Amino acid sequence: MITIQVFGKLTEILGTNTYTTDFTKKTVAELKAQLHTAFPALSTMTYFVVVNNQKAPDEATIPPDAQLALLPPYSGG
Protein backbone atom coordinates (compact mmCIF):
# COMPACT_ATOMS: atom_id res chain seq x y z
CA MET A 1 0.00 0.00 0.00
CA ILE A 2 1.32 3.44 -0.95
CA THR A 3 0.08 6.96 -0.41
CA ILE A 4 0.63 9.60 -3.07
CA GLN A 5 0.25 13.34 -2.49
CA VAL A 6 -1.55 14.92 -5.46
CA PHE A 7 -1.26 18.59 -6.42
CA GLY A 8 -2.84 21.13 -8.76
CA LYS A 9 -5.23 20.12 -11.51
CA LEU A 10 -4.32 16.48 -10.93
CA THR A 11 -6.52 16.53 -7.81
CA GLU A 12 -9.54 17.06 -10.08
CA ILE A 13 -8.74 13.90 -12.02
CA LEU A 14 -8.00 11.72 -8.97
CA GLY A 15 -10.72 13.35 -6.88
CA THR A 16 -8.43 13.78 -3.88
CA ASN A 17 -5.17 15.36 -2.77
CA THR A 18 -4.05 12.13 -1.07
CA TYR A 19 -4.43 8.91 -3.07
CA THR A 20 -3.80 5.50 -1.50
CA THR A 21 -3.46 2.34 -3.58
CA ASP A 22 -2.02 -1.15 -3.60
CA PHE A 23 1.20 -1.03 -5.59
CA THR A 24 3.66 -3.88 -5.69
CA LYS A 25 5.71 -2.97 -8.75
CA LYS A 26 9.07 -1.27 -8.67
CA THR A 27 9.41 1.58 -11.14
CA VAL A 28 7.89 4.97 -11.80
CA ALA A 29 6.79 3.77 -15.26
CA GLU A 30 4.88 0.88 -13.66
CA LEU A 31 3.23 3.26 -11.20
CA LYS A 32 2.20 5.58 -14.04
CA ALA A 33 0.76 2.65 -16.01
CA GLN A 34 -1.32 1.63 -12.99
CA LEU A 35 -2.54 5.20 -12.49
CA HIS A 36 -3.40 5.57 -16.19
CA THR A 37 -5.51 2.41 -15.99
CA ALA A 38 -7.37 3.70 -12.92
CA PHE A 39 -7.63 7.29 -14.22
CA PRO A 40 -7.55 7.31 -18.06
CA ALA A 41 -7.68 11.13 -18.20
CA LEU A 42 -4.33 11.21 -16.42
CA SER A 43 -2.67 9.60 -19.44
CA THR A 44 -3.36 12.73 -21.50
CA MET A 45 -1.78 15.07 -18.95
CA THR A 46 1.80 16.11 -18.42
CA TYR A 47 2.91 15.62 -14.83
CA PHE A 48 5.92 14.72 -12.72
CA VAL A 49 6.29 11.85 -10.29
CA VAL A 50 8.31 12.89 -7.26
CA VAL A 51 10.01 10.22 -5.18
CA ASN A 52 11.45 11.34 -1.84
CA ASN A 53 11.38 15.02 -2.89
CA GLN A 54 13.16 14.45 -6.23
CA LYS A 55 11.61 14.42 -9.71
CA ALA A 56 11.99 10.82 -10.85
CA PRO A 57 12.43 9.51 -14.39
CA ASP A 58 10.29 6.60 -15.57
CA GLU A 59 13.09 4.08 -15.04
CA ALA A 60 13.63 5.10 -11.39
CA THR A 61 13.01 2.45 -8.75
CA ILE A 62 10.53 3.32 -6.02
CA PRO A 63 12.00 2.24 -2.68
CA PRO A 64 9.79 0.81 0.08
CA ASP A 65 8.23 3.53 2.26
CA ALA A 66 9.05 6.23 -0.31
CA GLN A 67 7.28 9.58 -0.14
CA LEU A 68 5.48 10.02 -3.46
CA ALA A 69 3.81 12.99 -5.11
CA LEU A 70 2.24 13.86 -8.45
CA LEU A 71 2.91 17.40 -9.64
CA PRO A 72 1.60 19.21 -12.71
CA PRO A 73 4.11 21.26 -14.73
CA TYR A 74 5.08 24.47 -13.01
CA SER A 75 7.12 27.56 -13.71
CA GLY A 76 8.79 29.94 -11.36
CA GLY A 77 9.91 33.47 -11.43
PDB file of N, CA and C in Angstrom:
ATOM      1  N   MET A   1       0.851  -1.177   0.000  1.00  0.00           N
ATOM      2  CA  MET A   1       0.000   0.000   0.000  1.00  0.00           C
ATOM      3  C   MET A   1       0.896   1.239   0.000  1.00  0.00           C
ATOM      4  N   ILE A   2       0.581   2.181  -0.898  1.00  0.00           N
ATOM      5  CA  ILE A   2       1.321   3.440  -0.951  1.00  0.00           C
ATOM      6  C   ILE A   2       0.349   4.607  -0.905  1.00  0.00           C
ATOM      7  N   THR A   3       0.848   5.726  -0.423  1.00  0.00           N
ATOM      8  CA  THR A   3       0.078   6.957  -0.406  1.00  0.00           C
ATOM      9  C   THR A   3       0.813   7.970  -1.270  1.00  0.00           C
ATOM     10  N   ILE A   4       0.059   8.630  -2.137  1.00  0.00           N
ATOM     11  CA  ILE A   4       0.629   9.603  -3.068  1.00  0.00           C
ATOM     12  C   ILE A   4      -0.029  10.950  -2.812  1.00  0.00           C
ATOM     13  N   GLN A   5       0.765  11.976  -2.598  1.00  0.00           N
ATOM     14  CA  GLN A   5       0.247  13.337  -2.492  1.00  0.00           C
ATOM     15  C   GLN A   5      -0.006  13.841  -3.904  1.00  0.00           C
ATOM     16  N   VAL A   6      -1.150  14.474  -4.125  1.00  0.00           N
ATOM     17  CA  VAL A   6      -1.550  14.920  -5.458  1.00  0.00           C
ATOM     18  C   VAL A   6      -1.752  16.439  -5.418  1.00  0.00           C
ATOM     19  N   PHE A   7      -1.218  17.142  -6.428  1.00  0.00           N
ATOM     20  CA  PHE A   7      -1.257  18.592  -6.420  1.00  0.00           C
ATOM     21  C   PHE A   7      -1.872  19.152  -7.707  1.00  0.00           C
ATOM     22  N   GLY A   8      -2.339  20.386  -7.608  1.00  0.00           N
ATOM     23  CA  GLY A   8      -2.836  21.133  -8.757  1.00  0.00           C
ATOM     24  C   GLY A   8      -4.038  20.488  -9.420  1.00  0.00           C
ATOM     25  N   LYS A   9      -4.101  20.636 -10.745  1.00  0.00           N
ATOM     26  CA  LYS A   9      -5.228  20.115 -11.513  1.00  0.00           C
ATOM     27  C   LYS A   9      -5.340  18.599 -11.425  1.00  0.00           C
ATOM     28  N   LEU A  10      -4.272  17.937 -11.036  1.00  0.00           N
ATOM     29  CA  LEU A  10      -4.319  16.477 -10.931  1.00  0.00           C
ATOM     30  C   LEU A  10      -5.296  16.029  -9.846  1.00  0.00           C
ATOM     31  N   THR A  11      -5.553  16.894  -8.861  1.00  0.00           N
ATOM     32  CA  THR A  11      -6.515  16.531  -7.815  1.00  0.00           C
ATOM     33  C   THR A  11      -7.922  16.406  -8.389  1.00  0.00           C
ATOM     34  N   GLU A  12      -8.217  17.168  -9.437  1.00  0.00           N
ATOM     35  CA  GLU A  12      -9.537  17.060 -10.075  1.00  0.00           C
ATOM     36  C   GLU A  12      -9.715  15.700 -10.746  1.00  0.00           C
ATOM     37  N   ILE A  13      -8.662  15.185 -11.330  1.00  0.00           N
ATOM     38  CA  ILE A  13      -8.742  13.896 -12.016  1.00  0.00           C
ATOM     39  C   ILE A  13      -8.829  12.752 -11.010  1.00  0.00           C
ATOM     40  N   LEU A  14      -8.001  12.795  -9.960  1.00  0.00           N
ATOM     41  CA  LEU A  14      -7.998  11.724  -8.973  1.00  0.00           C
ATOM     42  C   LEU A  14      -9.094  11.896  -7.930  1.00  0.00           C
ATOM     43  N   GLY A  15      -9.651  13.099  -7.829  1.00  0.00           N
ATOM     44  CA  GLY A  15     -10.724  13.346  -6.876  1.00  0.00           C
ATOM     45  C   GLY A  15     -10.271  13.476  -5.443  1.00  0.00           C
ATOM     46  N   THR A  16      -8.977  13.666  -5.233  1.00  0.00           N
ATOM     47  CA  THR A  16      -8.430  13.783  -3.881  1.00  0.00           C
ATOM     48  C   THR A  16      -7.033  14.396  -3.952  1.00  0.00           C
ATOM     49  N   ASN A  17      -6.552  14.888  -2.823  1.00  0.00           N
ATOM     50  CA  ASN A  17      -5.167  15.360  -2.773  1.00  0.00           C
ATOM     51  C   ASN A  17      -4.245  14.338  -2.106  1.00  0.00           C
ATOM     52  N   THR A  18      -4.822  13.230  -1.627  1.00  0.00           N
ATOM     53  CA  THR A  18      -4.048  12.126  -1.073  1.00  0.00           C
ATOM     54  C   THR A  18      -4.653  10.828  -1.585  1.00  0.00           C
ATOM     55  N   TYR A  19      -3.930  10.123  -2.445  1.00  0.00           N
ATOM     56  CA  TYR A  19      -4.432   8.906  -3.066  1.00  0.00           C
ATOM     57  C   TYR A  19      -3.673   7.710  -2.500  1.00  0.00           C
ATOM     58  N   THR A  20      -4.403   6.714  -2.043  1.00  0.00           N
ATOM     59  CA  THR A  20      -3.801   5.496  -1.498  1.00  0.00           C
ATOM     60  C   THR A  20      -4.183   4.320  -2.381  1.00  0.00           C
ATOM     61  N   THR A  21      -3.212   3.480  -2.703  1.00  0.00           N
ATOM     62  CA  THR A  21      -3.457   2.339  -3.577  1.00  0.00           C
ATOM     63  C   THR A  21      -2.517   1.190  -3.250  1.00  0.00           C
ATOM     64  N   ASP A  22      -2.922  -0.004  -3.663  1.00  0.00           N
ATOM     65  CA  ASP A  22      -2.017  -1.150  -3.602  1.00  0.00           C
ATOM     66  C   ASP A  22      -1.065  -1.021  -4.780  1.00  0.00           C
ATOM     67  N   PHE A  23       0.212  -1.117  -4.523  1.00  0.00           N
ATOM     68  CA  PHE A  23       1.200  -1.033  -5.589  1.00  0.00           C
ATOM     69  C   PHE A  23       2.365  -1.929  -5.213  1.00  0.00           C
ATOM     70  N   THR A  24       2.602  -2.931  -6.020  1.00  0.00           N
ATOM     71  CA  THR A  24       3.659  -3.882  -5.691  1.00  0.00           C
ATOM     72  C   THR A  24       4.763  -3.905  -6.731  1.00  0.00           C
ATOM     73  N   LYS A  25       4.678  -3.023  -7.716  1.00  0.00           N
ATOM     74  CA  LYS A  25       5.712  -2.975  -8.752  1.00  0.00           C
ATOM     75  C   LYS A  25       6.914  -2.199  -8.231  1.00  0.00           C
ATOM     76  N   LYS A  26       7.837  -1.878  -9.140  1.00  0.00           N
ATOM     77  CA  LYS A  26       9.067  -1.272  -8.669  1.00  0.00           C
ATOM     78  C   LYS A  26       9.442   0.060  -9.291  1.00  0.00           C
ATOM     79  N   THR A  27       8.923   0.380 -10.466  1.00  0.00           N
ATOM     80  CA  THR A  27       9.409   1.580 -11.138  1.00  0.00           C
ATOM     81  C   THR A  27       8.333   2.655 -11.275  1.00  0.00           C
ATOM     82  N   VAL A  28       8.796   3.851 -11.563  1.00  0.00           N
ATOM     83  CA  VAL A  28       7.891   4.971 -11.801  1.00  0.00           C
ATOM     84  C   VAL A  28       7.015   4.680 -13.016  1.00  0.00           C
ATOM     85  N   ALA A  29       7.576   4.099 -14.065  1.00  0.00           N
ATOM     86  CA  ALA A  29       6.790   3.768 -15.259  1.00  0.00           C
ATOM     87  C   ALA A  29       5.655   2.809 -14.918  1.00  0.00           C
ATOM     88  N   GLU A  30       5.924   1.829 -14.069  1.00  0.00           N
ATOM     89  CA  GLU A  30       4.882   0.881 -13.664  1.00  0.00           C
ATOM     90  C   GLU A  30       3.802   1.567 -12.832  1.00  0.00           C
ATOM     91  N   LEU A  31       4.204   2.498 -11.978  1.00  0.00           N
ATOM     92  CA  LEU A  31       3.231   3.265 -11.205  1.00  0.00           C
ATOM     93  C   LEU A  31       2.348   4.091 -12.137  1.00  0.00           C
ATOM     94  N   LYS A  32       2.967   4.771 -13.106  1.00  0.00           N
ATOM     95  CA  LYS A  32       2.203   5.582 -14.044  1.00  0.00           C
ATOM     96  C   LYS A  32       1.230   4.720 -14.848  1.00  0.00           C
ATOM     97  N   ALA A  33       1.655   3.546 -15.256  1.00  0.00           N
ATOM     98  CA  ALA A  33       0.765   2.651 -16.007  1.00  0.00           C
ATOM     99  C   ALA A  33      -0.444   2.265 -15.160  1.00  0.00           C
ATOM    100  N   GLN A  34      -0.218   1.980 -13.887  1.00  0.00           N
ATOM    101  CA  GLN A  34      -1.322   1.633 -12.993  1.00  0.00           C
ATOM    102  C   GLN A  34      -2.270   2.822 -12.823  1.00  0.00           C
ATOM    103  N   LEU A  35      -1.716   4.009 -12.649  1.00  0.00           N
ATOM    104  CA  LEU A  35      -2.542   5.203 -12.490  1.00  0.00           C
ATOM    105  C   LEU A  35      -3.328   5.509 -13.758  1.00  0.00           C
ATOM    106  N   HIS A  36      -2.714   5.294 -14.926  1.00  0.00           N
ATOM    107  CA  HIS A  36      -3.401   5.566 -16.190  1.00  0.00           C
ATOM    108  C   HIS A  36      -4.548   4.585 -16.417  1.00  0.00           C
ATOM    109  N   THR A  37      -4.419   3.375 -15.896  1.00  0.00           N
ATOM    110  CA  THR A  37      -5.514   2.412 -15.985  1.00  0.00           C
ATOM    111  C   THR A  37      -6.665   2.839 -15.085  1.00  0.00           C
ATOM    112  N   ALA A  38      -6.339   3.279 -13.881  1.00  0.00           N
ATOM    113  CA  ALA A  38      -7.366   3.698 -12.918  1.00  0.00           C
ATOM    114  C   ALA A  38      -7.985   5.048 -13.288  1.00  0.00           C
ATOM    115  N   PHE A  39      -7.191   5.935 -13.874  1.00  0.00           N
ATOM    116  CA  PHE A  39      -7.631   7.292 -14.222  1.00  0.00           C
ATOM    117  C   PHE A  39      -7.203   7.600 -15.657  1.00  0.00           C
ATOM    118  N   PRO A  40      -7.956   7.130 -16.660  1.00  0.00           N
ATOM    119  CA  PRO A  40      -7.553   7.307 -18.056  1.00  0.00           C
ATOM    120  C   PRO A  40      -7.255   8.758 -18.445  1.00  0.00           C
ATOM    121  N   ALA A  41      -7.935   9.721 -17.867  1.00  0.00           N
ATOM    122  CA  ALA A  41      -7.684  11.132 -18.197  1.00  0.00           C
ATOM    123  C   ALA A  41      -6.267  11.551 -17.819  1.00  0.00           C
ATOM    124  N   LEU A  42      -5.692  10.885 -16.856  1.00  0.00           N
ATOM    125  CA  LEU A  42      -4.333  11.208 -16.420  1.00  0.00           C
ATOM    126  C   LEU A  42      -3.320  10.930 -17.530  1.00  0.00           C
ATOM    127  N   SER A  43      -3.613   9.955 -18.382  1.00  0.00           N
ATOM    128  CA  SER A  43      -2.671   9.596 -19.440  1.00  0.00           C
ATOM    129  C   SER A  43      -2.526  10.691 -20.495  1.00  0.00           C
ATOM    130  N   THR A  44      -3.454  11.632 -20.537  1.00  0.00           N
ATOM    131  CA  THR A  44      -3.364  12.730 -21.500  1.00  0.00           C
ATOM    132  C   THR A  44      -2.696  13.969 -20.911  1.00  0.00           C
ATOM    133  N   MET A  45      -2.346  13.909 -19.645  1.00  0.00           N
ATOM    134  CA  MET A  45      -1.781  15.073 -18.948  1.00  0.00           C
ATOM    135  C   MET A  45      -0.264  14.940 -18.824  1.00  0.00           C
ATOM    136  N   THR A  46       0.383  16.075 -18.744  1.00  0.00           N
ATOM    137  CA  THR A  46       1.799  16.107 -18.422  1.00  0.00           C
ATOM    138  C   THR A  46       1.921  16.318 -16.924  1.00  0.00           C
ATOM    139  N   TYR A  47       2.712  15.484 -16.273  1.00  0.00           N
ATOM    140  CA  TYR A  47       2.914  15.619 -14.832  1.00  0.00           C
ATOM    141  C   TYR A  47       4.235  14.961 -14.442  1.00  0.00           C
ATOM    142  N   PHE A  48       4.693  15.290 -13.250  1.00  0.00           N
ATOM    143  CA  PHE A  48       5.924  14.722 -12.722  1.00  0.00           C
ATOM    144  C   PHE A  48       5.595  13.789 -11.574  1.00  0.00           C
ATOM    145  N   VAL A  49       6.350  12.700 -11.469  1.00  0.00           N
ATOM    146  CA  VAL A  49       6.295  11.846 -10.290  1.00  0.00           C
ATOM    147  C   VAL A  49       7.505  12.214  -9.442  1.00  0.00           C
ATOM    148  N   VAL A  50       7.250  12.513  -8.190  1.00  0.00           N
ATOM    149  CA  VAL A  50       8.308  12.889  -7.257  1.00  0.00           C
ATOM    150  C   VAL A  50       8.467  11.765  -6.245  1.00  0.00           C
ATOM    151  N   VAL A  51       9.695  11.292  -6.114  1.00  0.00           N
ATOM    152  CA  VAL A  51      10.013  10.215  -5.175  1.00  0.00           C
ATOM    153  C   VAL A  51      11.004  10.784  -4.162  1.00  0.00           C
ATOM    154  N   ASN A  52      10.595  10.802  -2.908  1.00  0.00           N
ATOM    155  CA  ASN A  52      11.453  11.336  -1.840  1.00  0.00           C
ATOM    156  C   ASN A  52      12.002  12.722  -2.183  1.00  0.00           C
ATOM    157  N   ASN A  53      11.088  13.604  -2.614  1.00  0.00           N
ATOM    158  CA  ASN A  53      11.382  15.017  -2.890  1.00  0.00           C
ATOM    159  C   ASN A  53      12.267  15.259  -4.109  1.00  0.00           C
ATOM    160  N   GLN A  54      12.382  14.282  -5.009  1.00  0.00           N
ATOM    161  CA  GLN A  54      13.162  14.449  -6.233  1.00  0.00           C
ATOM    162  C   GLN A  54      12.315  14.018  -7.423  1.00  0.00           C
ATOM    163  N   LYS A  55      12.291  14.847  -8.492  1.00  0.00           N
ATOM    164  CA  LYS A  55      11.606  14.419  -9.711  1.00  0.00           C
ATOM    165  C   LYS A  55      12.270  13.134 -10.182  1.00  0.00           C
ATOM    166  N   ALA A  56      11.449  12.135 -10.509  1.00  0.00           N
ATOM    167  CA  ALA A  56      11.987  10.822 -10.849  1.00  0.00           C
ATOM    168  C   ALA A  56      11.679  10.477 -12.304  1.00  0.00           C
ATOM    169  N   PRO A  57      12.680   9.966 -13.028  1.00  0.00           N
ATOM    170  CA  PRO A  57      12.433   9.506 -14.389  1.00  0.00           C
ATOM    171  C   PRO A  57      11.661   8.184 -14.368  1.00  0.00           C
ATOM    172  N   ASP A  58      11.104   7.809 -15.504  1.00  0.00           N
ATOM    173  CA  ASP A  58      10.286   6.597 -15.573  1.00  0.00           C
ATOM    174  C   ASP A  58      11.038   5.337 -15.137  1.00  0.00           C
ATOM    175  N   GLU A  59      12.331   5.284 -15.376  1.00  0.00           N
ATOM    176  CA  GLU A  59      13.089   4.079 -15.038  1.00  0.00           C
ATOM    177  C   GLU A  59      13.512   4.024 -13.570  1.00  0.00           C
ATOM    178  N   ALA A  60      13.239   5.063 -12.801  1.00  0.00           N
ATOM    179  CA  ALA A  60      13.632   5.102 -11.390  1.00  0.00           C
ATOM    180  C   ALA A  60      12.885   4.038 -10.581  1.00  0.00           C
ATOM    181  N   THR A  61      13.598   3.434  -9.662  1.00  0.00           N
ATOM    182  CA  THR A  61      13.013   2.455  -8.750  1.00  0.00           C
ATOM    183  C   THR A  61      12.388   3.197  -7.578  1.00  0.00           C
ATOM    184  N   ILE A  62      11.211   2.740  -7.176  1.00  0.00           N
ATOM    185  CA  ILE A  62      10.534   3.322  -6.017  1.00  0.00           C
ATOM    186  C   ILE A  62      10.879   2.471  -4.799  1.00  0.00           C
ATOM    187  N   PRO A  63      11.631   3.029  -3.854  1.00  0.00           N
ATOM    188  CA  PRO A  63      12.001   2.244  -2.678  1.00  0.00           C
ATOM    189  C   PRO A  63      10.810   2.042  -1.744  1.00  0.00           C
ATOM    190  N   PRO A  64      10.864   0.996  -0.908  1.00  0.00           N
ATOM    191  CA  PRO A  64       9.790   0.814   0.079  1.00  0.00           C
ATOM    192  C   PRO A  64       9.694   2.052   0.974  1.00  0.00           C
ATOM    193  N   ASP A  65       8.495   2.392   1.378  1.00  0.00           N
ATOM    194  CA  ASP A  65       8.233   3.527   2.263  1.00  0.00           C
ATOM    195  C   ASP A  65       8.651   4.874   1.669  1.00  0.00           C
ATOM    196  N   ALA A  66       8.707   4.969   0.347  1.00  0.00           N
ATOM    197  CA  ALA A  66       9.051   6.232  -0.308  1.00  0.00           C
ATOM    198  C   ALA A  66       7.913   7.231  -0.133  1.00  0.00           C
ATOM    199  N   GLN A  67       8.266   8.510  -0.093  1.00  0.00           N
ATOM    200  CA  GLN A  67       7.276   9.575  -0.140  1.00  0.00           C
ATOM    201  C   GLN A  67       7.058   9.895  -1.607  1.00  0.00           C
ATOM    202  N   LEU A  68       5.794   9.824  -2.052  1.00  0.00           N
ATOM    203  CA  LEU A  68       5.484  10.023  -3.462  1.00  0.00           C
ATOM    204  C   LEU A  68       4.545  11.200  -3.642  1.00  0.00           C
ATOM    205  N   ALA A  69       4.701  11.886  -4.772  1.00  0.00           N
ATOM    206  CA  ALA A  69       3.807  12.987  -5.110  1.00  0.00           C
ATOM    207  C   ALA A  69       3.652  13.059  -6.625  1.00  0.00           C
ATOM    208  N   LEU A  70       2.509  13.560  -7.049  1.00  0.00           N
ATOM    209  CA  LEU A  70       2.244  13.860  -8.454  1.00  0.00           C
ATOM    210  C   LEU A  70       2.114  15.364  -8.573  1.00  0.00           C
ATOM    211  N   LEU A  71       2.916  15.953  -9.462  1.00  0.00           N
ATOM    212  CA  LEU A  71       2.913  17.397  -9.643  1.00  0.00           C
ATOM    213  C   LEU A  71       2.652  17.750 -11.095  1.00  0.00           C
ATOM    214  N   PRO A  72       1.765  18.721 -11.335  1.00  0.00           N
ATOM    215  CA  PRO A  72       1.601  19.209 -12.707  1.00  0.00           C
ATOM    216  C   PRO A  72       2.815  20.065 -13.068  1.00  0.00           C
ATOM    217  N   PRO A  73       3.004  20.372 -14.360  1.00  0.00           N
ATOM    218  CA  PRO A  73       4.106  21.259 -14.730  1.00  0.00           C
ATOM    219  C   PRO A  73       3.975  22.603 -14.003  1.00  0.00           C
ATOM    220  N   TYR A  74       5.087  23.196 -13.728  1.00  0.00           N
ATOM    221  CA  TYR A  74       5.082  24.472 -13.009  1.00  0.00           C
ATOM    222  C   TYR A  74       6.202  25.345 -13.550  1.00  0.00           C
ATOM    223  N   SER A  75       6.060  26.624 -13.330  1.00  0.00           N
ATOM    224  CA  SER A  75       7.117  27.564 -13.707  1.00  0.00           C
ATOM    225  C   SER A  75       7.312  28.525 -12.546  1.00  0.00           C
ATOM    226  N   GLY A  76       8.490  29.023 -12.460  1.00  0.00           N
ATOM    227  CA  GLY A  76       8.789  29.942 -11.356  1.00  0.00           C
ATOM    228  C   GLY A  76       9.302  31.256 -11.891  1.00  0.00           C
ATOM    229  N   GLY A  77       9.428  32.184 -10.989  1.00  0.00           N
ATOM    230  CA  GLY A  77       9.913  33.470 -11.428  1.00  0.00           C
ATOM    231  C   GLY A  77      10.565  34.202 -10.309  1.00  0.00           C
TER     232      GLY A  77
END
